[in-house]
Amino acid sequence: MDTTPQTSPIMDGSDDATNAERLAGLQQQVESDLAGATDDEKAEHLRVRMDETDVHDEPGATGSDAPAAGSGAPSAEVDPGH
């Protein structure tokens, strides 16, 4: 069994996703994984996941549940149909 941490997507075609699409996917994962958590806990977990996967914030994009701008937290809006 491989014990190295997964730091990139493993599904076919996932390397073709844009940074914004990857960020939206991470946001959906965090929202699902931490459904009962506070927004601050979700934002911190998202920052960790972004660092692990080399996904960057999307400046200028905002979402209603996104952390305040300038907090260092991601601010891209998640497309629920994606």
PDB file of N, CA and C in Angstrom:
ATOM      1  N   MET A   1       0.845  -1.186   0.000  1.00  0.00           N
ATOM      2  CA  MET A   1       0.000   0.000   0.000  1.00  0.00           C
ATOM      3  C   MET A   1       0.883   1.239   0.000  1.00  0.00           C
ATOM      4  N   ASP A   2       0.558   2.170  -0.840  1.00  0.00           N
ATOM      5  CA  ASP A   2       1.308   3.422  -0.937  1.00  0.00           C
ATOM      6  C   ASP A   2       0.917   4.332   0.221  1.00  0.00           C
ATOM      7  N   THR A   3       1.895   4.823   0.971  1.00  0.00           N
ATOM      8  CA  THR A   3       1.605   5.677   2.128  1.00  0.00           C
ATOM      9  C   THR A   3       1.975   7.140   1.901  1.00  0.00           C
ATOM     10  N   THR A   4       2.348   7.496   0.661  1.00  0.00           N
ATOM     11  CA  THR A   4       2.671   8.896   0.388  1.00  0.00           C
ATOM     12  C   THR A   4       1.387   9.703   0.299  1.00  0.00           C
ATOM     13  N   PRO A   5       1.398  10.945   0.785  1.00  0.00           N
ATOM     14  CA  PRO A   5       0.185  11.771   0.734  1.00  0.00           C
ATOM     15  C   PRO A   5      -0.213  12.103  -0.701  1.00  0.00           C
ATOM     16  N   GLN A   6      -1.516  12.137  -0.939  1.00  0.00           N
ATOM     17  CA  GLN A   6      -2.027  12.523  -2.258  1.00  0.00           C
ATOM     18  C   GLN A   6      -2.034  14.040  -2.323  1.00  0.00           C
ATOM     19  N   THR A   7      -1.315  14.591  -3.282  1.00  0.00           N
ATOM     20  CA  THR A   7      -1.249  16.050  -3.413  1.00  0.00           C
ATOM     21  C   THR A   7      -1.772  16.540  -4.752  1.00  0.00           C
ATOM     22  N   SER A   8      -2.319  15.645  -5.541  1.00  0.00           N
ATOM     23  CA  SER A   8      -2.885  16.044  -6.826  1.00  0.00           C
ATOM     24  C   SER A   8      -4.051  15.116  -7.149  1.00  0.00           C
ATOM     25  N   PRO A   9      -4.941  15.556  -8.045  1.00  0.00           N
ATOM     26  CA  PRO A   9      -6.086  14.727  -8.421  1.00  0.00           C
ATOM     27  C   PRO A   9      -5.633  13.445  -9.100  1.00  0.00           C
ATOM     28  N   ILE A  10      -6.421  12.391  -8.953  1.00  0.00           N
ATOM     29  CA  ILE A  10      -6.050  11.124  -9.576  1.00  0.00           C
ATOM     30  C   ILE A  10      -7.061  10.667 -10.624  1.00  0.00           C
ATOM     31  N   MET A  11      -8.176  11.370 -10.753  1.00  0.00           N
ATOM     32  CA  MET A  11      -9.182  10.983 -11.743  1.00  0.00           C
ATOM     33  C   MET A  11      -8.759  11.444 -13.134  1.00  0.00           C
ATOM     34  N   ASP A  12      -9.087  10.648 -14.151  1.00  0.00           N
ATOM     35  CA  ASP A  12      -8.795  11.020 -15.529  1.00  0.00           C
ATOM     36  C   ASP A  12      -9.424  12.372 -15.843  1.00  0.00           C
ATOM     37  N   GLY A  13      -8.665  13.243 -16.479  1.00  0.00           N
ATOM     38  CA  GLY A  13      -9.160  14.548 -16.872  1.00  0.00           C
ATOM     39  C   GLY A  13      -9.041  15.614 -15.810  1.00  0.00           C
ATOM     40  N   SER A  14      -8.726  15.236 -14.578  1.00  0.00           N
ATOM     41  CA  SER A  14      -8.685  16.221 -13.498  1.00  0.00           C
ATOM     42  C   SER A  14      -7.553  17.223 -13.674  1.00  0.00           C
ATOM     43  N   ASP A  15      -6.516  16.831 -14.364  1.00  0.00           N
ATOM     44  CA  ASP A  15      -5.412  17.767 -14.608  1.00  0.00           C
ATOM     45  C   ASP A  15      -5.796  18.844 -15.617  1.00  0.00           C
ATOM     46  N   ASP A  16      -6.914  18.651 -16.312  1.00  0.00           N
ATOM     47  CA  ASP A  16      -7.379  19.620 -17.297  1.00  0.00           C
ATOM     48  C   ASP A  16      -8.196  20.745 -16.665  1.00  0.00           C
ATOM     49  N   ALA A  17      -8.568  20.593 -15.409  1.00  0.00           N
ATOM     50  CA  ALA A  17      -9.399  21.599 -14.738  1.00  0.00           C
ATOM     51  C   ALA A  17      -8.615  22.887 -14.525  1.00  0.00           C
ATOM     52  N   THR A  18      -9.307  24.009 -14.635  1.00  0.00           N
ATOM     53  CA  THR A  18      -8.676  25.300 -14.352  1.00  0.00           C
ATOM     54  C   THR A  18      -8.503  25.446 -12.845  1.00  0.00           C
ATOM     55  N   ASN A  19      -7.698  26.414 -12.448  1.00  0.00           N
ATOM     56  CA  ASN A  19      -7.526  26.682 -11.025  1.00  0.00           C
ATOM     57  C   ASN A  19      -8.880  27.011 -10.381  1.00  0.00           C
ATOM     58  N   ALA A  20      -9.706  27.797 -11.058  1.00  0.00           N
ATOM     59  CA  ALA A  20     -11.021  28.164 -10.516  1.00  0.00           C
ATOM     60  C   ALA A  20     -11.900  26.928 -10.328  1.00  0.00           C
ATOM     61  N   GLU A  21     -11.846  26.005 -11.271  1.00  0.00           N
ATOM     62  CA  GLU A  21     -12.627  24.769 -11.153  1.00  0.00           C
ATOM     63  C   GLU A  21     -12.105  23.901 -10.018  1.00  0.00           C
ATOM     64  N   ARG A  22     -10.790  23.834  -9.876  1.00  0.00           N
ATOM     65  CA  ARG A  22     -10.204  23.063  -8.784  1.00  0.00           C
ATOM     66  C   ARG A  22     -10.561  23.685  -7.432  1.00  0.00           C
ATOM     67  N   LEU A  23     -10.531  25.018  -7.359  1.00  0.00           N
ATOM     68  CA  LEU A  23     -10.891  25.711  -6.130  1.00  0.00           C
ATOM     69  C   LEU A  23     -12.355  25.449  -5.779  1.00  0.00           C
ATOM     70  N   ALA A  24     -13.229  25.509  -6.778  1.00  0.00           N
ATOM     71  CA  ALA A  24     -14.646  25.237  -6.546  1.00  0.00           C
ATOM     72  C   ALA A  24     -14.839  23.810  -6.034  1.00  0.00           C
ATOM     73  N   GLY A  25     -14.094  22.869  -6.583  1.00  0.00           N
ATOM     74  CA  GLY A  25     -14.177  21.485  -6.126  1.00  0.00           C
ATOM     75  C   GLY A  25     -13.717  21.334  -4.688  1.00  0.00           C
ATOM     76  N   LEU A  26     -12.620  22.005  -4.339  1.00  0.00           N
ATOM     77  CA  LEU A  26     -12.147  21.961  -2.959  1.00  0.00           C
ATOM     78  C   LEU A  26     -13.174  22.563  -2.015  1.00  0.00           C
ATOM     79  N   GLN A  27     -13.787  23.681  -2.426  1.00  0.00           N
ATOM     80  CA  GLN A  27     -14.799  24.314  -1.585  1.00  0.00           C
ATOM     81  C   GLN A  27     -15.985  23.383  -1.368  1.00  0.00           C
ATOM     82  N   GLN A  28     -16.401  22.681  -2.397  1.00  0.00           N
ATOM     83  CA  GLN A  28     -17.508  21.730  -2.270  1.00  0.00           C
ATOM     84  C   GLN A  28     -17.126  20.590  -1.334  1.00  0.00           C
ATOM     85  N   GLN A  29     -15.893  20.099  -1.449  1.00  0.00           N
ATOM     86  CA  GLN A  29     -15.436  19.029  -0.569  1.00  0.00           C
ATOM     87  C   GLN A  29     -15.441  19.478   0.884  1.00  0.00           C
ATOM     88  N   VAL A  30     -14.892  20.656   1.137  1.00  0.00           N
ATOM     89  CA  VAL A  30     -14.817  21.170   2.506  1.00  0.00           C
ATOM     90  C   VAL A  30     -16.219  21.381   3.058  1.00  0.00           C
ATOM     91  N   GLU A  31     -17.097  21.959   2.258  1.00  0.00           N
ATOM     92  CA  GLU A  31     -18.479  22.197   2.701  1.00  0.00           C
ATOM     93  C   GLU A  31     -19.147  20.877   3.079  1.00  0.00           C
ATOM     94  N   SER A  32     -18.920  19.850   2.291  1.00  0.00           N
ATOM     95  CA  SER A  32     -19.504  18.541   2.561  1.00  0.00           C
ATOM     96  C   SER A  32     -18.843  17.869   3.772  1.00  0.00           C
ATOM     97  N   ASP A  33     -17.519  17.900   3.817  1.00  0.00           N
ATOM     98  CA  ASP A  33     -16.784  17.223   4.892  1.00  0.00           C
ATOM     99  C   ASP A  33     -17.013  17.872   6.253  1.00  0.00           C
ATOM    100  N   LEU A  34     -17.197  19.190   6.272  1.00  0.00           N
ATOM    101  CA  LEU A  34     -17.322  19.919   7.536  1.00  0.00           C
ATOM    102  C   LEU A  34     -18.689  20.584   7.642  1.00  0.00           C
ATOM    103  N   ALA A  35     -19.734  19.856   7.322  1.00  0.00           N
ATOM    104  CA  ALA A  35     -21.084  20.422   7.264  1.00  0.00           C
ATOM    105  C   ALA A  35     -21.504  21.111   8.568  1.00  0.00           C
ATOM    106  N   GLY A  36     -21.092  20.629   9.712  1.00  0.00           N
ATOM    107  CA  GLY A  36     -21.499  21.226  10.982  1.00  0.00           C
ATOM    108  C   GLY A  36     -20.504  22.215  11.549  1.00  0.00           C
ATOM    109  N   ALA A  37     -19.455  22.512  10.816  1.00  0.00           N
ATOM    110  CA  ALA A  37     -18.378  23.382  11.308  1.00  0.00           C
ATOM    111  C   ALA A  37     -18.723  24.857  11.099  1.00  0.00           C
ATOM    112  N   THR A  38     -17.998  25.704  11.794  1.00  0.00           N
ATOM    113  CA  THR A  38     -18.170  27.142  11.624  1.00  0.00           C
ATOM    114  C   THR A  38     -17.512  27.576  10.320  1.00  0.00           C
ATOM    115  N   ASP A  39     -17.870  28.778   9.859  1.00  0.00           N
ATOM    116  CA  ASP A  39     -17.252  29.312   8.640  1.00  0.00           C
ATOM    117  C   ASP A  39     -15.746  29.459   8.817  1.00  0.00           C
ATOM    118  N   ASP A  40     -15.293  29.860  10.009  1.00  0.00           N
ATOM    119  CA  ASP A  40     -13.856  29.999  10.262  1.00  0.00           C
ATOM    120  C   ASP A  40     -13.146  28.652  10.176  1.00  0.00           C
ATOM    121  N   GLU A  41     -13.768  27.602  10.697  1.00  0.00           N
ATOM    122  CA  GLU A  41     -13.172  26.262  10.632  1.00  0.00           C
ATOM    123  C   GLU A  41     -13.100  25.781   9.175  1.00  0.00           C
ATOM    124  N   LYS A  42     -14.160  26.053   8.433  1.00  0.00           N
ATOM    125  CA  LYS A  42     -14.170  25.660   7.016  1.00  0.00           C
ATOM    126  C   LYS A  42     -13.094  26.422   6.241  1.00  0.00           C
ATOM    127  N   ALA A  43     -12.974  27.723   6.510  1.00  0.00           N
ATOM    128  CA  ALA A  43     -11.979  28.541   5.812  1.00  0.00           C
ATOM    129  C   ALA A  43     -10.569  28.044   6.110  1.00  0.00           C
ATOM    130  N   GLU A  44     -10.297  27.696   7.360  1.00  0.00           N
ATOM    131  CA  GLU A  44      -8.967  27.206   7.727  1.00  0.00           C
ATOM    132  C   GLU A  44      -8.687  25.870   7.040  1.00  0.00           C
ATOM    133  N   HIS A  45      -9.664  24.988   7.040  1.00  0.00           N
ATOM    134  CA  HIS A  45      -9.485  23.685   6.382  1.00  0.00           C
ATOM    135  C   HIS A  45      -9.275  23.873   4.876  1.00  0.00           C
ATOM    136  N   LEU A  46     -10.012  24.814   4.281  1.00  0.00           N
ATOM    137  CA  LEU A  46      -9.846  25.081   2.860  1.00  0.00           C
ATOM    138  C   LEU A  46      -8.454  25.618   2.565  1.00  0.00           C
ATOM    139  N   ARG A  47      -7.938  26.501   3.411  1.00  0.00           N
ATOM    140  CA  ARG A  47      -6.567  27.013   3.215  1.00  0.00           C
ATOM    141  C   ARG A  47      -5.553  25.866   3.248  1.00  0.00           C
ATOM    142  N   VAL A  48      -5.737  24.939   4.175  1.00  0.00           N
ATOM    143  CA  VAL A  48      -4.828  23.786   4.272  1.00  0.00           C
ATOM    144  C   VAL A  48      -4.908  22.944   3.005  1.00  0.00           C
ATOM    145  N   ARG A  49      -6.137  22.652   2.554  1.00  0.00           N
ATOM    146  CA  ARG A  49      -6.308  21.840   1.351  1.00  0.00           C
ATOM    147  C   ARG A  49      -5.737  22.543   0.119  1.00  0.00           C
ATOM    148  N   MET A  50      -5.886  23.871   0.057  1.00  0.00           N
ATOM    149  CA  MET A  50      -5.319  24.616  -1.066  1.00  0.00           C
ATOM    150  C   MET A  50      -3.799  24.511  -1.057  1.00  0.00           C
ATOM    151  N   ASP A  51      -3.186  24.631   0.104  1.00  0.00           N
ATOM    152  CA  ASP A  51      -1.735  24.494   0.197  1.00  0.00           C
ATOM    153  C   ASP A  51      -1.291  23.095  -0.226  1.00  0.00           C
ATOM    154  N   GLU A  52      -2.022  22.077   0.207  1.00  0.00           N
ATOM    155  CA  GLU A  52      -1.671  20.693  -0.109  1.00  0.00           C
ATOM    156  C   GLU A  52      -1.769  20.395  -1.596  1.00  0.00           C
ATOM    157  N   THR A  53      -2.673  21.041  -2.282  1.00  0.00           N
ATOM    158  CA  THR A  53      -2.942  20.720  -3.684  1.00  0.00           C
ATOM    159  C   THR A  53      -2.480  21.797  -4.655  1.00  0.00           C
ATOM    160  N   ASP A  54      -1.815  22.822  -4.151  1.00  0.00           N
ATOM    161  CA  ASP A  54      -1.293  23.911  -4.975  1.00  0.00           C
ATOM    162  C   ASP A  54      -2.392  24.606  -5.782  1.00  0.00           C
ATOM    163  N   VAL A  55      -3.540  24.814  -5.123  1.00  0.00           N
ATOM    164  CA  VAL A  55      -4.638  25.584  -5.714  1.00  0.00           C
ATOM    165  C   VAL A  55      -4.554  26.980  -5.124  1.00  0.00           C
ATOM    166  N   HIS A  56      -4.744  27.982  -5.969  1.00  0.00           N
ATOM    167  CA  HIS A  56      -4.594  29.378  -5.543  1.00  0.00           C
ATOM    168  C   HIS A  56      -5.937  30.080  -5.475  1.00  0.00           C
ATOM    169  N   ASP A  57      -5.988  31.127  -4.658  1.00  0.00           N
ATOM    170  CA  ASP A  57      -7.185  31.951  -4.555  1.00  0.00           C
ATOM    171  C   ASP A  57      -7.476  32.598  -5.900  1.00  0.00           C
ATOM    172  N   GLU A  58      -8.719  32.895  -6.146  1.00  0.00           N
ATOM    173  CA  GLU A  58      -9.154  33.557  -7.372  1.00  0.00           C
ATOM    174  C   GLU A  58      -9.545  34.993  -7.022  1.00  0.00           C
ATOM    175  N   PRO A  59      -8.613  35.946  -7.147  1.00  0.00           N
ATOM    176  CA  PRO A  59      -8.914  37.334  -6.796  1.00  0.00           C
ATOM    177  C   PRO A  59     -10.106  37.871  -7.587  1.00  0.00           C
ATOM    178  N   GLY A  60     -10.930  38.642  -6.894  1.00  0.00           N
ATOM    179  CA  GLY A  60     -12.072  39.265  -7.544  1.00  0.00           C
ATOM    180  C   GLY A  60     -13.327  38.424  -7.516  1.00  0.00           C
ATOM    181  N   ALA A  61     -13.198  37.129  -7.285  1.00  0.00           N
ATOM    182  CA  ALA A  61     -14.381  36.280  -7.202  1.00  0.00           C
ATOM    183  C   ALA A  61     -14.888  36.300  -5.772  1.00  0.00           C
ATOM    184  N   THR A  62     -16.190  36.400  -5.613  1.00  0.00           N
ATOM    185  CA  THR A  62     -16.756  36.431  -4.270  1.00  0.00           C
ATOM    186  C   THR A  62     -17.911  35.471  -4.169  1.00  0.00           C
ATOM    187  N   GLY A  63     -18.153  35.021  -2.981  1.00  0.00           N
ATOM    188  CA  GLY A  63     -19.299  34.167  -2.696  1.00  0.00           C
ATOM    189  C   GLY A  63     -19.948  34.652  -1.421  1.00  0.00           C
ATOM    190  N   SER A  64     -21.228  34.399  -1.257  1.00  0.00           N
ATOM    191  CA  SER A  64     -21.946  34.905  -0.093  1.00  0.00           C
ATOM    192  C   SER A  64     -21.430  34.301   1.204  1.00  0.00           C
ATOM    193  N   ASP A  65     -20.873  33.088   1.150  1.00  0.00           N
ATOM    194  CA  ASP A  65     -20.360  32.464   2.365  1.00  0.00           C
ATOM    195  C   ASP A  65     -18.835  32.506   2.423  1.00  0.00           C
ATOM    196  N   ALA A  66     -18.231  33.267   1.537  1.00  0.00           N
ATOM    197  CA  ALA A  66     -16.772  33.349   1.501  1.00  0.00           C
ATOM    198  C   ALA A  66     -16.273  34.229   2.636  1.00  0.00           C
ATOM    199  N   PRO A  67     -15.094  33.906   3.182  1.00  0.00           N
ATOM    200  CA  PRO A  67     -14.497  34.753   4.203  1.00  0.00           C
ATOM    201  C   PRO A  67     -14.237  36.149   3.660  1.00  0.00           C
ATOM    202  N   ALA A  68     -14.154  37.100   4.533  1.00  0.00           N
ATOM    203  CA  ALA A  68     -13.948  38.494   4.122  1.00  0.00           C
ATOM    204  C   ALA A  68     -12.667  38.640   3.324  1.00  0.00           C
ATOM    205  N   ALA A  69     -12.700  39.521   2.334  1.00  0.00           N
ATOM    206  CA  ALA A  69     -11.526  39.786   1.515  1.00  0.00           C
ATOM    207  C   ALA A  69     -10.403  40.306   2.391  1.00  0.00           C
ATOM    208  N   GLY A  70      -9.195  39.925   2.050  1.00  0.00           N
ATOM    209  CA  GLY A  70      -8.042  40.371   2.813  1.00  0.00           C
ATOM    210  C   GLY A  70      -7.732  39.475   3.996  1.00  0.00           C
ATOM    211  N   SER A  71      -8.570  38.476   4.251  1.00  0.00           N
ATOM    212  CA  SER A  71      -8.329  37.587   5.386  1.00  0.00           C
ATOM    213  C   SER A  71      -7.321  36.507   5.031  1.00  0.00           C
ATOM    214  N   GLY A  72      -6.942  36.453   3.747  1.00  0.00           N
ATOM    215  CA  GLY A  72      -6.039  35.403   3.316  1.00  0.00           C
ATOM    216  C   GLY A  72      -6.790  34.123   2.975  1.00  0.00           C
ATOM    217  N   ALA A  73      -8.092  34.158   3.174  1.00  0.00           N
ATOM    218  CA  ALA A  73      -8.905  32.984   2.893  1.00  0.00           C
ATOM    219  C   ALA A  73      -9.413  33.049   1.469  1.00  0.00           C
ATOM    220  N   PRO A  74      -9.675  31.895   0.863  1.00  0.00           N
ATOM    221  CA  PRO A  74     -10.179  31.851  -0.495  1.00  0.00           C
ATOM    222  C   PRO A  74     -11.525  32.558  -0.593  1.00  0.00           C
ATOM    223  N   SER A  75     -11.790  33.149  -1.759  1.00  0.00           N
ATOM    224  CA  SER A  75     -13.015  33.908  -1.904  1.00  0.00           C
ATOM    225  C   SER A  75     -13.772  33.579  -3.181  1.00  0.00           C
ATOM    226  N   ALA A  76     -13.417  32.542  -3.883  1.00  0.00           N
ATOM    227  CA  ALA A  76     -14.107  32.209  -5.128  1.00  0.00           C
ATOM    228  C   ALA A  76     -15.479  31.618  -4.833  1.00  0.00           C
ATOM    229  N   GLU A  77     -16.412  31.914  -5.711  1.00  0.00           N
ATOM    230  CA  GLU A  77     -17.774  31.405  -5.547  1.00  0.00           C
ATOM    231  C   GLU A  77     -17.853  29.983  -6.066  1.00  0.00           C
ATOM    232  N   VAL A  78     -18.604  29.135  -5.379  1.00  0.00           N
ATOM    233  CA  VAL A  78     -18.783  27.769  -5.791  1.00  0.00           C
ATOM    234  C   VAL A  78     -20.009  27.685  -6.682  1.00  0.00           C
ATOM    235  N   ASP A  79     -19.845  27.020  -7.821  1.00  0.00           N
ATOM    236  CA  ASP A  79     -20.966  26.772  -8.725  1.00  0.00           C
ATOM    237  C   ASP A  79     -21.625  25.476  -8.297  1.00  0.00           C
ATOM    238  N   PRO A  80     -22.828  25.525  -7.686  1.00  0.00           N
ATOM    239  CA  PRO A  80     -23.443  24.304  -7.163  1.00  0.00           C
ATOM    240  C   PRO A  80     -23.760  23.284  -8.232  1.00  0.00           C
ATOM    241  N   GLY A  81     -23.850  23.686  -9.480  1.00  0.00           N
ATOM    242  CA  GLY A  81     -24.135  22.737 -10.547  1.00  0.00           C
ATOM    243  C   GLY A  81     -22.898  22.100 -11.129  1.00  0.00           C
ATOM    244  N   HIS A  82     -21.760  22.381 -10.552  1.00  0.00           N
ATOM    245  CA  HIS A  82     -20.502  21.888 -11.097  1.00  0.00           C
ATOM    246  C   HIS A  82     -20.089  20.613 -10.450  1.00  0.00           C
TER     247      HIS A  82
END
